[in-house]
């Protein structure tokens, strides 16, 4: 385990310049410099991420085009050979793969408002309207707040009257330290 930690420290030392290794935060000026370094490093990371995302997008587009090219040729070939037919698909077996043409049913584009209005006027179809109840979390949270916020006891929320609210589990989260540079 100590060998692993030593390797990690050695790697970290190689990533830092000598100046960075010797640096310590001792006053506002040195803290400001360290914050500026954080912003510089994050900007560098963002530039590299943008560069590689651009490269990845080009590779994906190129590979998509090439794959579609071969799929088109295979589809054209599929129509020239006798293929097995089932209720939902046709297929042709090759030595290393199978070409399949699946029949698809129609796609239904729906306008919820218009459809709900129509269903509202149809007594025979009323059962097809769903009514969904959900918790108004923002309102409930506001109602549970006392003078010092929401009362929590043993990872449970307690109403201002002292009643435990079932169905809510409180998970504490660590504080987040951020450096914002203007």
N, C-alpha and C. Protein backbone atom coordinates (compact mmCIF):
# COMPACT_ATOMS: atom_id res chain seq x y z
N UNK A 1 0.82 -1.19 0.00
CA UNK A 1 0.00 0.00 0.00
C UNK A 1 0.87 1.26 0.00
N UNK A 2 1.92 1.27 0.83
CA UNK A 2 2.80 2.44 0.88
C UNK A 2 3.52 2.64 -0.45
N UNK A 3 3.81 1.53 -1.17
CA UNK A 3 4.44 1.63 -2.48
C UNK A 3 3.52 2.36 -3.46
N UNK A 4 2.23 2.04 -3.38
CA UNK A 4 1.24 2.68 -4.24
C UNK A 4 1.18 4.18 -3.95
N UNK A 5 1.16 4.55 -2.67
CA UNK A 5 1.14 5.97 -2.30
C UNK A 5 2.40 6.67 -2.76
N UNK A 6 3.55 6.02 -2.63
CA UNK A 6 4.81 6.62 -3.10
C UNK A 6 4.78 6.84 -4.60
N UNK A 7 4.25 5.87 -5.36
CA UNK A 7 4.13 6.01 -6.82
C UNK A 7 3.22 7.17 -7.17
N UNK A 8 2.11 7.30 -6.45
CA UNK A 8 1.16 8.37 -6.70
C UNK A 8 1.79 9.73 -6.41
N UNK A 9 2.55 9.82 -5.30
CA UNK A 9 3.23 11.08 -4.96
C UNK A 9 4.28 11.41 -6.01
N UNK A 10 5.01 10.41 -6.49
CA UNK A 10 6.03 10.63 -7.51
C UNK A 10 5.37 11.14 -8.79
N UNK A 11 4.24 10.54 -9.18
CA UNK A 11 3.52 10.99 -10.37
C UNK A 11 3.06 12.43 -10.19
N UNK A 12 2.54 12.77 -9.00
CA UNK A 12 2.08 14.12 -8.76
C UNK A 12 3.24 15.11 -8.82
N UNK A 13 4.39 14.73 -8.28
CA UNK A 13 5.57 15.59 -8.32
C UNK A 13 5.99 15.86 -9.76
N UNK A 14 5.85 14.87 -10.63
CA UNK A 14 6.22 15.04 -12.04
C UNK A 14 5.26 15.98 -12.76
N UNK A 15 4.02 16.08 -12.29
CA UNK A 15 3.03 16.94 -12.93
C UNK A 15 3.18 18.40 -12.52
N UNK A 16 3.83 18.65 -11.40
CA UNK A 16 3.98 20.02 -10.90
C UNK A 16 5.36 20.57 -11.26
N UNK A 17 5.40 21.86 -11.58
CA UNK A 17 6.70 22.49 -11.81
C UNK A 17 7.39 22.65 -10.46
N UNK A 18 8.68 22.94 -10.50
CA UNK A 18 9.42 23.14 -9.25
C UNK A 18 8.81 24.30 -8.46
N UNK A 19 8.44 25.36 -9.17
CA UNK A 19 7.83 26.52 -8.53
C UNK A 19 6.53 26.13 -7.82
N UNK A 20 5.71 25.30 -8.50
CA UNK A 20 4.44 24.86 -7.90
C UNK A 20 4.68 23.96 -6.69
N UNK A 21 5.70 23.13 -6.73
CA UNK A 21 6.00 22.25 -5.60
C UNK A 21 6.44 23.03 -4.37
N UNK A 22 7.15 24.13 -4.57
CA UNK A 22 7.65 24.93 -3.45
C UNK A 22 6.60 25.91 -2.93
N UNK A 23 5.58 26.18 -3.72
CA UNK A 23 4.61 27.22 -3.40
C UNK A 23 3.76 26.87 -2.18
N UNK A 24 3.45 27.87 -1.35
CA UNK A 24 2.51 27.72 -0.24
C UNK A 24 1.62 28.96 -0.20
N UNK A 25 0.41 28.78 0.29
CA UNK A 25 -0.50 29.90 0.46
C UNK A 25 -0.30 30.44 1.86
N UNK A 26 0.15 31.70 1.93
CA UNK A 26 0.45 32.28 3.24
C UNK A 26 -0.22 33.62 3.47
N UNK A 27 -0.78 34.21 2.40
CA UNK A 27 -1.47 35.50 2.55
C UNK A 27 -2.45 35.67 1.39
N UNK A 28 -3.16 36.79 1.37
CA UNK A 28 -4.17 37.03 0.34
C UNK A 28 -3.56 37.03 -1.06
N UNK A 29 -2.39 37.60 -1.20
CA UNK A 29 -1.75 37.68 -2.52
C UNK A 29 -1.41 36.29 -3.04
N UNK A 30 -0.84 35.43 -2.20
CA UNK A 30 -0.50 34.07 -2.65
C UNK A 30 -1.76 33.25 -2.87
N UNK A 31 -2.81 33.48 -2.08
CA UNK A 31 -4.09 32.78 -2.28
C UNK A 31 -4.71 33.20 -3.61
N UNK A 32 -4.61 34.50 -3.93
CA UNK A 32 -5.14 35.00 -5.20
C UNK A 32 -4.39 34.37 -6.37
N UNK A 33 -3.06 34.24 -6.24
CA UNK A 33 -2.26 33.62 -7.30
C UNK A 33 -2.67 32.16 -7.48
N UNK A 34 -2.89 31.43 -6.37
CA UNK A 34 -3.29 30.03 -6.45
C UNK A 34 -4.66 29.90 -7.12
N UNK A 35 -5.58 30.81 -6.79
CA UNK A 35 -6.91 30.79 -7.43
C UNK A 35 -6.79 31.05 -8.92
N UNK A 36 -5.89 31.97 -9.29
CA UNK A 36 -5.66 32.26 -10.71
C UNK A 36 -5.10 31.03 -11.42
N UNK A 37 -4.21 30.28 -10.74
CA UNK A 37 -3.66 29.05 -11.32
C UNK A 37 -4.76 28.02 -11.53
N UNK A 38 -5.69 27.92 -10.58
CA UNK A 38 -6.82 26.98 -10.72
C UNK A 38 -7.61 27.33 -11.98
N UNK A 39 -7.91 28.63 -12.16
CA UNK A 39 -8.67 29.06 -13.34
C UNK A 39 -7.89 28.76 -14.62
N UNK A 40 -6.60 29.00 -14.61
CA UNK A 40 -5.76 28.73 -15.77
C UNK A 40 -5.76 27.24 -16.12
N UNK A 41 -5.63 26.40 -15.11
CA UNK A 41 -5.61 24.94 -15.32
C UNK A 41 -6.96 24.46 -15.84
N UNK A 42 -8.05 24.97 -15.26
CA UNK A 42 -9.38 24.56 -15.72
C UNK A 42 -9.65 25.03 -17.15
N UNK A 43 -9.16 26.22 -17.51
CA UNK A 43 -9.31 26.71 -18.89
C UNK A 43 -8.52 25.82 -19.86
N UNK A 44 -7.32 25.41 -19.43
CA UNK A 44 -6.51 24.51 -20.25
C UNK A 44 -7.24 23.18 -20.47
N UNK A 45 -7.82 22.66 -19.40
CA UNK A 45 -8.59 21.41 -19.49
C UNK A 45 -9.75 21.59 -20.46
N UNK A 46 -10.46 22.71 -20.35
CA UNK A 46 -11.61 22.96 -21.22
C UNK A 46 -11.18 23.03 -22.69
N UNK A 47 -10.02 23.66 -22.96
CA UNK A 47 -9.52 23.73 -24.33
C UNK A 47 -9.23 22.33 -24.88
N UNK A 48 -8.57 21.49 -24.06
CA UNK A 48 -8.26 20.13 -24.50
C UNK A 48 -9.53 19.32 -24.71
N UNK A 49 -10.48 19.45 -23.80
CA UNK A 49 -11.74 18.71 -23.93
C UNK A 49 -12.45 19.13 -25.22
N UNK A 50 -12.51 20.43 -25.49
CA UNK A 50 -13.15 20.93 -26.71
C UNK A 50 -12.45 20.37 -27.95
N UNK A 51 -11.11 20.38 -27.92
CA UNK A 51 -10.33 19.86 -29.05
C UNK A 51 -10.66 18.39 -29.30
N UNK A 52 -10.63 17.58 -28.25
CA UNK A 52 -10.86 16.15 -28.43
C UNK A 52 -12.32 15.83 -28.72
N UNK A 53 -13.24 16.63 -28.20
CA UNK A 53 -14.65 16.42 -28.55
C UNK A 53 -14.87 16.71 -30.03
N UNK A 54 -14.19 17.74 -30.54
CA UNK A 54 -14.28 18.06 -31.97
C UNK A 54 -13.72 16.90 -32.81
N UNK A 55 -12.57 16.38 -32.39
CA UNK A 55 -11.97 15.24 -33.09
C UNK A 55 -12.89 14.03 -33.05
N UNK A 56 -13.46 13.76 -31.87
CA UNK A 56 -14.36 12.63 -31.71
C UNK A 56 -15.60 12.78 -32.60
N UNK A 57 -16.14 14.00 -32.68
CA UNK A 57 -17.32 14.25 -33.52
C UNK A 57 -16.99 13.95 -34.99
N UNK A 58 -15.80 14.35 -35.44
CA UNK A 58 -15.38 14.08 -36.83
C UNK A 58 -15.26 12.58 -37.06
N UNK A 59 -14.66 11.87 -36.11
CA UNK A 59 -14.49 10.42 -36.24
C UNK A 59 -15.85 9.74 -36.29
N UNK A 60 -16.75 10.14 -35.38
CA UNK A 60 -18.09 9.54 -35.37
C UNK A 60 -18.81 9.78 -36.69
N UNK A 61 -18.75 11.02 -37.20
CA UNK A 61 -19.42 11.35 -38.45
C UNK A 61 -18.85 10.53 -39.60
N UNK A 62 -17.53 10.43 -39.65
CA UNK A 62 -16.86 9.66 -40.70
C UNK A 62 -17.26 8.18 -40.61
N UNK A 63 -17.20 7.61 -39.42
CA UNK A 63 -17.53 6.19 -39.26
C UNK A 63 -19.01 5.92 -39.52
N UNK A 64 -19.87 6.87 -39.13
CA UNK A 64 -21.30 6.73 -39.41
C UNK A 64 -21.54 6.67 -40.92
N UNK A 65 -20.89 7.58 -41.64
CA UNK A 65 -21.03 7.62 -43.10
C UNK A 65 -20.55 6.31 -43.72
N UNK A 66 -19.38 5.82 -43.28
CA UNK A 66 -18.84 4.59 -43.83
C UNK A 66 -19.74 3.40 -43.53
N UNK A 67 -20.25 3.31 -42.29
CA UNK A 67 -21.12 2.19 -41.91
C UNK A 67 -22.40 2.24 -42.73
N UNK A 68 -22.99 3.44 -42.90
CA UNK A 68 -24.22 3.57 -43.69
C UNK A 68 -23.98 3.17 -45.15
N UNK A 69 -22.81 3.47 -45.67
CA UNK A 69 -22.46 3.09 -47.03
C UNK A 69 -22.54 1.58 -47.20
N UNK A 70 -21.92 0.83 -46.29
CA UNK A 70 -21.93 -0.62 -46.37
C UNK A 70 -23.32 -1.19 -46.07
N UNK A 71 -24.06 -0.58 -45.16
CA UNK A 71 -25.43 -1.02 -44.88
C UNK A 71 -26.32 -0.87 -46.11
N UNK A 72 -26.14 0.25 -46.83
CA UNK A 72 -26.93 0.45 -48.06
C UNK A 72 -26.63 -0.65 -49.08
N UNK A 73 -25.35 -1.00 -49.25
CA UNK A 73 -24.99 -2.06 -50.18
C UNK A 73 -25.58 -3.40 -49.75
N UNK A 74 -25.53 -3.69 -48.43
CA UNK A 74 -26.09 -4.94 -47.92
C UNK A 74 -27.61 -4.97 -48.10
N UNK A 75 -28.26 -3.84 -47.90
CA UNK A 75 -29.71 -3.77 -48.08
C UNK A 75 -30.07 -4.04 -49.55
N UNK A 76 -29.33 -3.41 -50.46
CA UNK A 76 -29.56 -3.65 -51.89
C UNK A 76 -29.36 -5.13 -52.23
N UNK A 77 -28.32 -5.74 -51.67
CA UNK A 77 -28.04 -7.15 -51.89
C UNK A 77 -29.17 -8.01 -51.31
N UNK A 78 -29.66 -7.64 -50.14
CA UNK A 78 -30.73 -8.38 -49.46
C UNK A 78 -31.93 -8.57 -50.38
N UNK A 79 -32.27 -7.52 -51.14
CA UNK A 79 -33.44 -7.60 -52.02
C UNK A 79 -33.21 -8.51 -53.23
N UNK A 80 -31.96 -8.89 -53.49
CA UNK A 80 -31.68 -9.74 -54.66
C UNK A 80 -31.63 -11.22 -54.34
N UNK A 81 -31.66 -11.58 -53.06
CA UNK A 81 -31.54 -12.98 -52.66
C UNK A 81 -32.85 -13.47 -52.06
N UNK A 82 -33.11 -14.78 -52.11
CA UNK A 82 -34.31 -15.30 -51.47
C UNK A 82 -34.12 -15.26 -49.95
N UNK A 83 -35.12 -14.76 -49.25
CA UNK A 83 -34.97 -14.65 -47.80
C UNK A 83 -36.15 -15.31 -47.09
N UNK A 84 -35.89 -15.72 -45.86
CA UNK A 84 -36.93 -16.32 -45.03
C UNK A 84 -37.91 -15.25 -44.60
N UNK A 85 -39.17 -15.60 -44.60
CA UNK A 85 -40.20 -14.64 -44.19
C UNK A 85 -40.89 -15.15 -42.93
N UNK A 86 -41.09 -14.25 -41.99
CA UNK A 86 -41.93 -14.56 -40.83
C UNK A 86 -42.99 -13.46 -40.76
N UNK A 87 -43.79 -13.49 -39.73
CA UNK A 87 -44.87 -12.52 -39.61
C UNK A 87 -44.34 -11.08 -39.49
N UNK A 88 -43.20 -10.90 -38.79
CA UNK A 88 -42.71 -9.55 -38.53
C UNK A 88 -41.39 -9.20 -39.20
N UNK A 89 -40.75 -10.20 -39.84
CA UNK A 89 -39.46 -9.88 -40.46
C UNK A 89 -39.10 -10.85 -41.57
N UNK A 90 -38.14 -10.40 -42.40
CA UNK A 90 -37.52 -11.23 -43.43
C UNK A 90 -36.05 -11.31 -43.08
N UNK A 91 -35.42 -12.46 -43.38
CA UNK A 91 -34.00 -12.57 -43.04
C UNK A 91 -33.26 -13.42 -44.06
N UNK A 92 -31.96 -13.18 -44.11
CA UNK A 92 -31.08 -13.94 -44.99
C UNK A 92 -29.81 -14.24 -44.21
N UNK A 93 -29.46 -15.52 -44.12
CA UNK A 93 -28.30 -15.95 -43.34
C UNK A 93 -27.05 -15.95 -44.21
N UNK A 94 -26.01 -15.28 -43.72
CA UNK A 94 -24.69 -15.29 -44.35
C UNK A 94 -23.76 -16.09 -43.45
N UNK A 95 -22.57 -16.46 -43.92
CA UNK A 95 -21.67 -17.25 -43.07
C UNK A 95 -21.34 -16.60 -41.72
N UNK A 96 -21.16 -15.27 -41.70
CA UNK A 96 -20.77 -14.63 -40.44
C UNK A 96 -21.81 -13.65 -39.88
N UNK A 97 -22.92 -13.54 -40.53
CA UNK A 97 -23.94 -12.63 -40.01
C UNK A 97 -25.30 -12.94 -40.62
N UNK A 98 -26.28 -12.22 -40.19
CA UNK A 98 -27.63 -12.39 -40.68
C UNK A 98 -28.16 -11.02 -41.09
N UNK A 99 -28.74 -10.94 -42.27
CA UNK A 99 -29.36 -9.69 -42.71
C UNK A 99 -30.85 -9.77 -42.37
N UNK A 100 -31.36 -8.75 -41.72
CA UNK A 100 -32.75 -8.78 -41.25
C UNK A 100 -33.47 -7.51 -41.66
N UNK A 101 -34.67 -7.68 -42.18
CA UNK A 101 -35.55 -6.55 -42.49
C UNK A 101 -36.78 -6.72 -41.60
N UNK A 102 -36.93 -5.83 -40.63
CA UNK A 102 -38.06 -5.91 -39.69
C UNK A 102 -39.19 -5.00 -40.17
N UNK A 103 -40.38 -5.52 -40.13
CA UNK A 103 -41.57 -4.72 -40.44
C UNK A 103 -41.91 -3.89 -39.21
N UNK A 104 -42.20 -2.64 -39.43
CA UNK A 104 -42.55 -1.77 -38.32
C UNK A 104 -43.99 -1.32 -38.47
N UNK A 105 -44.67 -1.26 -37.35
CA UNK A 105 -46.02 -0.73 -37.36
C UNK A 105 -45.97 0.78 -37.50
N UNK A 106 -47.13 1.40 -37.68
CA UNK A 106 -47.14 2.85 -37.84
C UNK A 106 -46.79 3.57 -36.54
N UNK A 107 -46.32 4.78 -36.67
CA UNK A 107 -46.04 5.62 -35.51
C UNK A 107 -47.20 6.59 -35.36
N UNK A 108 -47.67 6.76 -34.15
CA UNK A 108 -48.80 7.63 -33.88
C UNK A 108 -48.31 8.91 -33.21
N UNK A 109 -48.48 10.04 -33.89
CA UNK A 109 -48.15 11.32 -33.28
C UNK A 109 -49.42 11.84 -32.63
N UNK A 110 -49.30 12.18 -31.34
CA UNK A 110 -50.49 12.57 -30.59
C UNK A 110 -50.39 14.01 -30.12
N UNK A 111 -51.54 14.69 -30.11
CA UNK A 111 -51.65 16.00 -29.50
C UNK A 111 -52.46 15.79 -28.23
N UNK A 112 -51.76 15.76 -27.09
CA UNK A 112 -52.39 15.44 -25.80
C UNK A 112 -53.63 16.28 -25.53
N UNK A 113 -53.53 17.59 -25.72
CA UNK A 113 -54.65 18.48 -25.41
C UNK A 113 -55.89 18.16 -26.22
N UNK A 114 -55.72 18.01 -27.52
CA UNK A 114 -56.85 17.70 -28.40
C UNK A 114 -57.44 16.35 -28.05
N UNK A 115 -56.58 15.38 -27.82
CA UNK A 115 -57.03 14.03 -27.49
C UNK A 115 -57.77 14.01 -26.15
N UNK A 116 -57.26 14.73 -25.14
CA UNK A 116 -57.94 14.80 -23.85
C UNK A 116 -59.30 15.48 -23.96
N UNK A 117 -59.37 16.54 -24.77
CA UNK A 117 -60.66 17.22 -24.98
C UNK A 117 -61.67 16.25 -25.58
N UNK A 118 -61.24 15.47 -26.57
CA UNK A 118 -62.14 14.52 -27.22
C UNK A 118 -62.58 13.43 -26.24
N UNK A 119 -61.59 12.89 -25.47
CA UNK A 119 -61.91 11.84 -24.50
C UNK A 119 -62.87 12.34 -23.42
N UNK A 120 -62.76 13.60 -23.08
CA UNK A 120 -63.63 14.20 -22.06
C UNK A 120 -65.10 14.16 -22.49
N UNK A 121 -65.35 14.21 -23.80
CA UNK A 121 -66.72 14.22 -24.33
C UNK A 121 -67.22 12.82 -24.70
N UNK A 122 -66.40 11.80 -24.47
CA UNK A 122 -66.75 10.43 -24.85
C UNK A 122 -66.91 9.57 -23.61
N UNK A 123 -68.13 9.34 -23.17
CA UNK A 123 -68.33 8.55 -21.95
C UNK A 123 -67.77 7.12 -22.07
N UNK A 124 -67.77 6.55 -23.25
CA UNK A 124 -67.27 5.18 -23.43
C UNK A 124 -65.74 5.09 -23.34
N UNK A 125 -65.05 6.23 -23.42
CA UNK A 125 -63.60 6.22 -23.42
C UNK A 125 -62.99 6.93 -22.20
N UNK A 126 -63.80 7.31 -21.23
CA UNK A 126 -63.33 8.03 -20.03
C UNK A 126 -62.22 7.26 -19.30
N UNK A 127 -62.27 5.93 -19.32
CA UNK A 127 -61.29 5.13 -18.59
C UNK A 127 -59.88 5.25 -19.17
N UNK A 128 -59.75 5.88 -20.31
CA UNK A 128 -58.43 6.02 -20.92
C UNK A 128 -57.74 7.33 -20.56
N UNK A 129 -58.33 8.07 -19.65
CA UNK A 129 -57.71 9.30 -19.16
C UNK A 129 -57.04 8.98 -17.82
N UNK A 130 -55.74 9.25 -17.73
CA UNK A 130 -55.00 8.99 -16.50
C UNK A 130 -54.98 10.27 -15.65
N UNK A 131 -55.17 10.08 -14.36
CA UNK A 131 -55.01 11.18 -13.42
C UNK A 131 -53.84 10.79 -12.53
N UNK A 132 -52.81 11.62 -12.54
CA UNK A 132 -51.60 11.28 -11.80
C UNK A 132 -51.40 12.28 -10.67
N UNK A 133 -51.34 11.76 -9.45
CA UNK A 133 -51.07 12.60 -8.29
C UNK A 133 -49.58 12.59 -8.01
N UNK A 134 -49.03 13.77 -7.78
CA UNK A 134 -47.62 13.88 -7.41
C UNK A 134 -47.50 14.84 -6.23
N UNK A 135 -46.41 14.72 -5.52
CA UNK A 135 -46.16 15.58 -4.37
C UNK A 135 -45.64 16.94 -4.86
N UNK A 136 -46.22 18.00 -4.32
CA UNK A 136 -45.72 19.34 -4.58
C UNK A 136 -44.57 19.55 -3.59
N UNK A 137 -43.36 19.13 -3.99
CA UNK A 137 -42.22 19.12 -3.08
C UNK A 137 -41.88 20.53 -2.60
N UNK A 138 -41.90 21.49 -3.49
CA UNK A 138 -41.55 22.86 -3.10
C UNK A 138 -42.51 23.37 -2.03
N UNK A 139 -43.80 23.13 -2.22
CA UNK A 139 -44.79 23.57 -1.24
C UNK A 139 -44.65 22.85 0.08
N UNK A 140 -44.47 21.51 0.03
CA UNK A 140 -44.32 20.72 1.24
C UNK A 140 -43.08 21.15 2.01
N UNK A 141 -41.99 21.34 1.29
CA UNK A 141 -40.73 21.74 1.91
C UNK A 141 -40.90 23.07 2.64
N UNK A 142 -41.59 24.00 2.01
CA UNK A 142 -41.84 25.31 2.62
C UNK A 142 -42.70 25.16 3.88
N UNK A 143 -43.72 24.28 3.82
CA UNK A 143 -44.61 24.07 4.97
C UNK A 143 -43.87 23.40 6.13
N UNK A 144 -42.85 22.59 5.83
CA UNK A 144 -42.10 21.89 6.88
C UNK A 144 -41.04 22.77 7.53
N UNK A 145 -40.71 23.88 6.91
CA UNK A 145 -39.66 24.75 7.44
C UNK A 145 -40.13 25.49 8.68
N UNK A 146 -39.31 25.41 9.71
CA UNK A 146 -39.55 26.19 10.92
C UNK A 146 -38.67 27.42 10.87
N UNK A 147 -38.43 28.03 12.01
CA UNK A 147 -37.60 29.23 12.08
C UNK A 147 -36.16 28.94 11.69
N UNK A 148 -35.67 27.75 11.95
CA UNK A 148 -34.28 27.39 11.66
C UNK A 148 -34.18 26.40 10.51
N UNK A 149 -35.12 26.41 9.61
CA UNK A 149 -35.11 25.49 8.47
C UNK A 149 -35.90 24.24 8.78
N UNK A 150 -35.67 23.20 8.01
CA UNK A 150 -36.38 21.94 8.20
C UNK A 150 -35.72 21.17 9.35
N UNK A 151 -36.54 20.70 10.29
CA UNK A 151 -36.02 19.94 11.43
C UNK A 151 -35.71 18.51 11.00
N UNK A 152 -34.49 18.06 11.34
CA UNK A 152 -34.05 16.72 11.00
C UNK A 152 -33.62 16.01 12.27
N UNK A 153 -34.12 14.78 12.43
CA UNK A 153 -33.78 13.98 13.60
C UNK A 153 -33.52 12.56 13.15
N UNK A 154 -32.32 12.06 13.38
CA UNK A 154 -31.95 10.68 12.98
C UNK A 154 -32.27 10.41 11.51
N UNK A 155 -31.85 11.29 10.63
CA UNK A 155 -32.04 11.15 9.17
C UNK A 155 -33.51 11.16 8.76
N UNK A 156 -34.37 11.73 9.59
CA UNK A 156 -35.78 11.83 9.23
C UNK A 156 -36.23 13.27 9.38
N UNK A 157 -37.19 13.68 8.55
CA UNK A 157 -37.74 15.03 8.62
C UNK A 157 -38.85 15.04 9.66
N UNK A 158 -38.85 16.11 10.45
CA UNK A 158 -39.85 16.27 11.52
C UNK A 158 -40.62 17.56 11.25
N UNK A 159 -41.95 17.50 11.37
CA UNK A 159 -42.77 18.70 11.17
C UNK A 159 -42.51 19.68 12.32
N UNK A 160 -42.91 20.94 12.13
CA UNK A 160 -42.76 21.90 13.24
C UNK A 160 -43.49 21.45 14.51
N UNK A 161 -44.51 20.58 14.38
CA UNK A 161 -45.24 20.05 15.53
C UNK A 161 -44.56 18.84 16.15
N UNK A 162 -43.46 18.34 15.53
CA UNK A 162 -42.71 17.23 16.11
C UNK A 162 -43.06 15.86 15.53
N UNK A 163 -43.89 15.81 14.49
CA UNK A 163 -44.27 14.52 13.89
C UNK A 163 -43.26 14.14 12.81
N UNK A 164 -42.81 12.87 12.82
CA UNK A 164 -41.89 12.38 11.80
C UNK A 164 -42.66 12.20 10.50
N UNK A 165 -42.10 12.71 9.40
CA UNK A 165 -42.75 12.60 8.10
C UNK A 165 -42.25 11.33 7.42
N UNK A 166 -43.16 10.36 7.19
CA UNK A 166 -42.72 9.13 6.52
C UNK A 166 -42.46 9.40 5.03
N UNK A 167 -41.56 8.61 4.46
CA UNK A 167 -41.32 8.71 3.02
C UNK A 167 -40.21 9.66 2.64
N UNK A 168 -39.55 10.26 3.63
CA UNK A 168 -38.42 11.14 3.34
C UNK A 168 -37.23 10.66 4.17
N UNK A 169 -36.13 10.35 3.49
CA UNK A 169 -34.89 10.00 4.17
C UNK A 169 -33.89 11.10 3.88
N UNK A 170 -33.24 11.60 4.90
CA UNK A 170 -32.28 12.68 4.75
C UNK A 170 -30.88 12.09 4.59
N UNK A 171 -30.21 12.46 3.55
CA UNK A 171 -28.84 12.03 3.32
C UNK A 171 -27.96 13.27 3.37
N UNK A 172 -27.11 13.34 4.37
CA UNK A 172 -26.20 14.48 4.50
C UNK A 172 -25.17 14.42 3.39
N UNK A 173 -24.81 15.57 2.89
CA UNK A 173 -23.80 15.67 1.84
C UNK A 173 -22.67 16.55 2.32
N UNK A 174 -21.45 16.25 1.89
CA UNK A 174 -20.31 17.07 2.32
C UNK A 174 -20.38 18.46 1.68
N UNK A 175 -19.75 19.43 2.34
CA UNK A 175 -19.65 20.76 1.77
C UNK A 175 -18.82 20.71 0.50
N UNK A 176 -19.07 21.63 -0.39
CA UNK A 176 -18.34 21.70 -1.65
C UNK A 176 -17.47 22.94 -1.63
N UNK A 177 -16.20 22.77 -1.88
CA UNK A 177 -15.29 23.90 -1.94
C UNK A 177 -15.07 24.25 -3.40
N UNK A 178 -15.30 25.50 -3.78
CA UNK A 178 -15.14 25.93 -5.16
C UNK A 178 -14.21 27.14 -5.21
N UNK A 179 -13.58 27.30 -6.32
CA UNK A 179 -12.78 28.49 -6.56
C UNK A 179 -13.38 29.17 -7.78
N UNK A 180 -13.91 30.37 -7.57
CA UNK A 180 -14.48 31.12 -8.68
C UNK A 180 -13.58 32.31 -8.95
N UNK A 181 -13.09 32.40 -10.16
CA UNK A 181 -12.21 33.49 -10.54
C UNK A 181 -12.94 34.37 -11.53
N UNK A 182 -12.93 35.66 -11.26
CA UNK A 182 -13.60 36.61 -12.16
C UNK A 182 -12.67 37.10 -13.21
